[in-house]
């Protein structure tokens, strides 16, 4: 089974980004390594280009395989349910 890439687009001063990162690190182990977490800093040159291509104007944004699933901080249960759809 192939792994999905879950990508967190974040900013350095974003408190919701830190919260979402913490939630992801807490719940991803429950999915038996079906997801690989990638963190993209939107203010870095690469992050800026990728976020522009995906139409990301604010953070946090969560994408799976380059498909945006959340454009804000989701509830933990909401995130778990969405990940179950992909696993």
N, C-alpha and C. Protein backbone atom coordinates (compact mmCIF):
# COMPACT_ATOMS: atom_id res chain seq x y z
N UNK A 1 0.85 -1.19 0.00
CA UNK A 1 0.00 0.00 0.00
C UNK A 1 0.89 1.24 0.00
N UNK A 2 0.54 2.19 -0.85
CA UNK A 2 1.36 3.40 -0.93
C UNK A 2 0.96 4.40 0.15
N UNK A 3 1.94 5.17 0.55
CA UNK A 3 1.71 6.19 1.57
C UNK A 3 1.14 7.44 0.94
N UNK A 4 0.26 8.10 1.67
CA UNK A 4 -0.22 9.42 1.25
C UNK A 4 0.69 10.46 1.90
N UNK A 5 0.90 11.55 1.19
CA UNK A 5 1.67 12.65 1.76
C UNK A 5 0.70 13.67 2.31
N UNK A 6 0.78 13.89 3.60
CA UNK A 6 -0.04 14.92 4.24
C UNK A 6 0.88 16.11 4.47
N UNK A 7 0.49 17.24 3.93
CA UNK A 7 1.36 18.41 3.95
C UNK A 7 0.72 19.54 4.74
N UNK A 8 1.47 20.03 5.71
CA UNK A 8 1.02 21.15 6.52
C UNK A 8 1.73 22.41 6.04
N UNK A 9 0.96 23.36 5.55
CA UNK A 9 1.51 24.66 5.17
C UNK A 9 1.37 25.56 6.39
N UNK A 10 2.49 26.12 6.83
CA UNK A 10 2.47 26.87 8.09
C UNK A 10 3.32 28.13 8.01
N UNK A 11 3.08 29.00 8.99
CA UNK A 11 3.88 30.21 9.16
C UNK A 11 4.55 30.17 10.52
N UNK A 12 5.68 30.84 10.65
CA UNK A 12 6.44 30.79 11.90
C UNK A 12 5.72 31.42 13.08
N UNK A 13 4.90 32.43 12.86
CA UNK A 13 4.25 33.13 13.97
C UNK A 13 2.79 32.72 14.15
N UNK A 14 2.37 31.65 13.48
CA UNK A 14 0.96 31.24 13.48
C UNK A 14 0.66 30.28 14.64
N UNK A 15 -0.14 30.72 15.62
CA UNK A 15 -0.45 29.84 16.76
C UNK A 15 -1.31 28.64 16.36
N UNK A 16 -2.22 28.81 15.38
CA UNK A 16 -3.06 27.69 14.93
C UNK A 16 -2.22 26.64 14.22
N UNK A 17 -1.15 27.08 13.56
CA UNK A 17 -0.25 26.14 12.88
C UNK A 17 0.44 25.23 13.91
N UNK A 18 0.89 25.83 15.00
CA UNK A 18 1.54 25.03 16.05
C UNK A 18 0.56 24.02 16.65
N UNK A 19 -0.68 24.45 16.86
CA UNK A 19 -1.70 23.56 17.41
C UNK A 19 -1.97 22.41 16.45
N UNK A 20 -2.11 22.71 15.17
CA UNK A 20 -2.39 21.67 14.17
C UNK A 20 -1.22 20.70 14.07
N UNK A 21 -0.01 21.20 14.14
CA UNK A 21 1.19 20.34 14.07
C UNK A 21 1.19 19.37 15.25
N UNK A 22 0.83 19.88 16.44
CA UNK A 22 0.77 19.06 17.65
C UNK A 22 -0.30 17.96 17.51
N UNK A 23 -1.47 18.33 17.01
CA UNK A 23 -2.56 17.37 16.83
C UNK A 23 -2.14 16.28 15.83
N UNK A 24 -1.52 16.68 14.72
CA UNK A 24 -1.08 15.71 13.72
C UNK A 24 -0.08 14.72 14.30
N UNK A 25 0.88 15.22 15.05
CA UNK A 25 1.90 14.34 15.63
C UNK A 25 1.27 13.37 16.64
N UNK A 26 0.16 13.80 17.23
CA UNK A 26 -0.54 12.97 18.21
C UNK A 26 -1.36 11.87 17.53
N UNK A 27 -2.05 12.20 16.43
CA UNK A 27 -2.99 11.23 15.83
C UNK A 27 -2.41 10.40 14.68
N UNK A 28 -1.39 10.90 13.99
CA UNK A 28 -0.87 10.14 12.84
C UNK A 28 -0.36 8.74 13.19
N UNK A 29 0.26 8.51 14.35
CA UNK A 29 0.69 7.14 14.67
C UNK A 29 -0.46 6.13 14.67
N UNK A 30 -1.69 6.59 14.91
CA UNK A 30 -2.86 5.69 14.92
C UNK A 30 -3.17 5.15 13.52
N UNK A 31 -2.59 5.75 12.48
CA UNK A 31 -2.91 5.36 11.11
C UNK A 31 -1.85 4.44 10.49
N UNK A 32 -1.06 3.77 11.34
CA UNK A 32 -0.09 2.77 10.88
C UNK A 32 0.76 3.22 9.70
N UNK A 33 1.30 4.39 9.78
CA UNK A 33 2.22 4.90 8.76
C UNK A 33 1.60 4.97 7.36
N UNK A 34 0.29 5.20 7.28
CA UNK A 34 -0.35 5.38 5.98
C UNK A 34 -0.08 6.78 5.43
N UNK A 35 0.36 7.67 6.32
CA UNK A 35 0.62 9.05 5.93
C UNK A 35 2.06 9.43 6.25
N UNK A 36 2.63 10.21 5.37
CA UNK A 36 3.95 10.79 5.62
C UNK A 36 3.73 12.29 5.79
N UNK A 37 4.13 12.82 6.94
CA UNK A 37 3.92 14.24 7.23
C UNK A 37 5.05 15.08 6.64
N UNK A 38 4.65 16.07 5.89
CA UNK A 38 5.60 17.01 5.31
C UNK A 38 5.17 18.40 5.77
N UNK A 39 6.12 19.19 6.23
CA UNK A 39 5.81 20.54 6.71
C UNK A 39 6.43 21.55 5.75
N UNK A 40 5.60 22.47 5.26
CA UNK A 40 6.07 23.46 4.31
C UNK A 40 5.89 24.86 4.88
N UNK A 41 6.99 25.54 5.05
CA UNK A 41 6.97 26.92 5.55
C UNK A 41 6.63 27.83 4.37
N UNK A 42 5.48 28.53 4.46
CA UNK A 42 5.01 29.32 3.32
C UNK A 42 5.90 30.52 3.02
N UNK A 43 6.71 30.96 3.99
CA UNK A 43 7.57 32.11 3.74
C UNK A 43 8.92 31.72 3.12
N UNK A 44 9.17 30.42 2.97
CA UNK A 44 10.41 29.98 2.31
C UNK A 44 10.18 30.08 0.80
N UNK A 45 11.25 30.21 0.01
CA UNK A 45 11.06 30.34 -1.45
C UNK A 45 10.25 29.19 -2.06
N UNK A 46 10.61 27.94 -1.72
CA UNK A 46 9.86 26.79 -2.25
C UNK A 46 8.42 26.78 -1.77
N UNK A 47 8.25 27.06 -0.47
CA UNK A 47 6.91 27.07 0.13
C UNK A 47 6.03 28.15 -0.47
N UNK A 48 6.64 29.29 -0.77
CA UNK A 48 5.89 30.40 -1.35
C UNK A 48 5.38 30.02 -2.74
N UNK A 49 6.24 29.41 -3.54
CA UNK A 49 5.85 29.00 -4.90
C UNK A 49 4.75 27.94 -4.85
N UNK A 50 4.94 26.91 -4.00
CA UNK A 50 3.95 25.84 -3.93
C UNK A 50 2.61 26.35 -3.40
N UNK A 51 2.65 27.20 -2.37
CA UNK A 51 1.39 27.72 -1.82
C UNK A 51 0.70 28.63 -2.84
N UNK A 52 1.46 29.36 -3.63
CA UNK A 52 0.85 30.20 -4.67
C UNK A 52 0.16 29.34 -5.73
N UNK A 53 0.80 28.24 -6.11
CA UNK A 53 0.22 27.33 -7.11
C UNK A 53 -1.07 26.70 -6.61
N UNK A 54 -1.14 26.42 -5.30
CA UNK A 54 -2.33 25.79 -4.72
C UNK A 54 -3.39 26.82 -4.28
N UNK A 55 -3.09 28.10 -4.44
CA UNK A 55 -4.04 29.13 -4.07
C UNK A 55 -4.16 29.33 -2.57
N UNK A 56 -3.06 29.13 -1.86
CA UNK A 56 -3.06 29.28 -0.40
C UNK A 56 -2.68 30.73 -0.06
N UNK A 57 -3.58 31.40 0.66
CA UNK A 57 -3.34 32.80 1.03
C UNK A 57 -3.23 33.02 2.53
N UNK A 58 -3.62 32.01 3.31
CA UNK A 58 -3.48 32.10 4.76
C UNK A 58 -3.19 30.71 5.30
N UNK A 59 -2.66 30.65 6.51
CA UNK A 59 -2.29 29.37 7.12
C UNK A 59 -3.04 29.20 8.44
N UNK A 60 -3.20 28.01 8.96
CA UNK A 60 -2.68 26.75 8.42
C UNK A 60 -3.56 26.19 7.30
N UNK A 61 -2.92 25.44 6.42
CA UNK A 61 -3.61 24.70 5.37
C UNK A 61 -3.07 23.29 5.41
N UNK A 62 -3.97 22.32 5.27
CA UNK A 62 -3.59 20.92 5.28
C UNK A 62 -4.00 20.31 3.95
N UNK A 63 -3.06 19.63 3.31
CA UNK A 63 -3.33 18.99 2.02
C UNK A 63 -2.89 17.53 2.08
N UNK A 64 -3.62 16.69 1.36
CA UNK A 64 -3.20 15.30 1.19
C UNK A 64 -2.99 15.08 -0.29
N UNK A 65 -1.80 14.63 -0.65
CA UNK A 65 -1.44 14.41 -2.06
C UNK A 65 -1.79 15.63 -2.92
N UNK A 66 -1.46 16.81 -2.43
CA UNK A 66 -1.68 18.09 -3.11
C UNK A 66 -3.15 18.48 -3.28
N UNK A 67 -4.05 17.83 -2.54
CA UNK A 67 -5.47 18.23 -2.53
C UNK A 67 -5.75 18.84 -1.16
N UNK A 68 -6.19 20.08 -1.16
CA UNK A 68 -6.43 20.78 0.11
C UNK A 68 -7.65 20.19 0.80
N UNK A 69 -7.46 19.82 2.08
CA UNK A 69 -8.59 19.26 2.84
C UNK A 69 -9.07 20.22 3.94
N UNK A 70 -8.19 21.07 4.43
CA UNK A 70 -8.59 22.08 5.43
C UNK A 70 -7.84 23.38 5.17
N UNK A 71 -8.57 24.49 5.25
CA UNK A 71 -7.97 25.82 5.11
C UNK A 71 -7.98 26.58 6.43
N UNK A 72 -8.10 25.85 7.51
CA UNK A 72 -8.11 26.46 8.85
C UNK A 72 -7.79 25.36 9.85
N UNK A 73 -7.86 25.67 11.11
CA UNK A 73 -7.60 24.67 12.15
C UNK A 73 -8.86 23.83 12.35
N UNK A 74 -8.82 22.54 11.97
CA UNK A 74 -10.02 21.70 12.15
C UNK A 74 -10.11 21.18 13.58
N UNK A 75 -11.30 20.76 13.96
CA UNK A 75 -11.47 20.06 15.23
C UNK A 75 -10.73 18.73 15.10
N UNK A 76 -10.23 18.22 16.22
CA UNK A 76 -9.47 16.97 16.20
C UNK A 76 -10.30 15.83 15.60
N UNK A 77 -11.56 15.70 16.02
CA UNK A 77 -12.44 14.63 15.50
C UNK A 77 -12.66 14.78 13.99
N UNK A 78 -12.84 16.00 13.56
CA UNK A 78 -13.05 16.29 12.14
C UNK A 78 -11.82 15.84 11.32
N UNK A 79 -10.66 16.11 11.85
CA UNK A 79 -9.41 15.72 11.19
C UNK A 79 -9.28 14.20 11.15
N UNK A 80 -9.56 13.54 12.26
CA UNK A 80 -9.49 12.08 12.31
C UNK A 80 -10.43 11.45 11.29
N UNK A 81 -11.66 11.97 11.21
CA UNK A 81 -12.64 11.45 10.25
C UNK A 81 -12.17 11.62 8.82
N UNK A 82 -11.58 12.79 8.52
CA UNK A 82 -11.09 13.05 7.17
C UNK A 82 -9.94 12.11 6.82
N UNK A 83 -9.05 11.87 7.77
CA UNK A 83 -7.92 10.96 7.53
C UNK A 83 -8.41 9.52 7.32
N UNK A 84 -9.47 9.14 8.01
CA UNK A 84 -10.03 7.79 7.84
C UNK A 84 -10.54 7.62 6.41
N UNK A 85 -11.08 8.68 5.81
CA UNK A 85 -11.55 8.61 4.42
C UNK A 85 -10.40 8.30 3.46
N UNK A 86 -9.22 8.76 3.81
CA UNK A 86 -8.04 8.59 2.93
C UNK A 86 -7.25 7.34 3.22
N UNK A 87 -7.47 6.71 4.37
CA UNK A 87 -6.61 5.58 4.74
C UNK A 87 -7.17 4.27 4.26
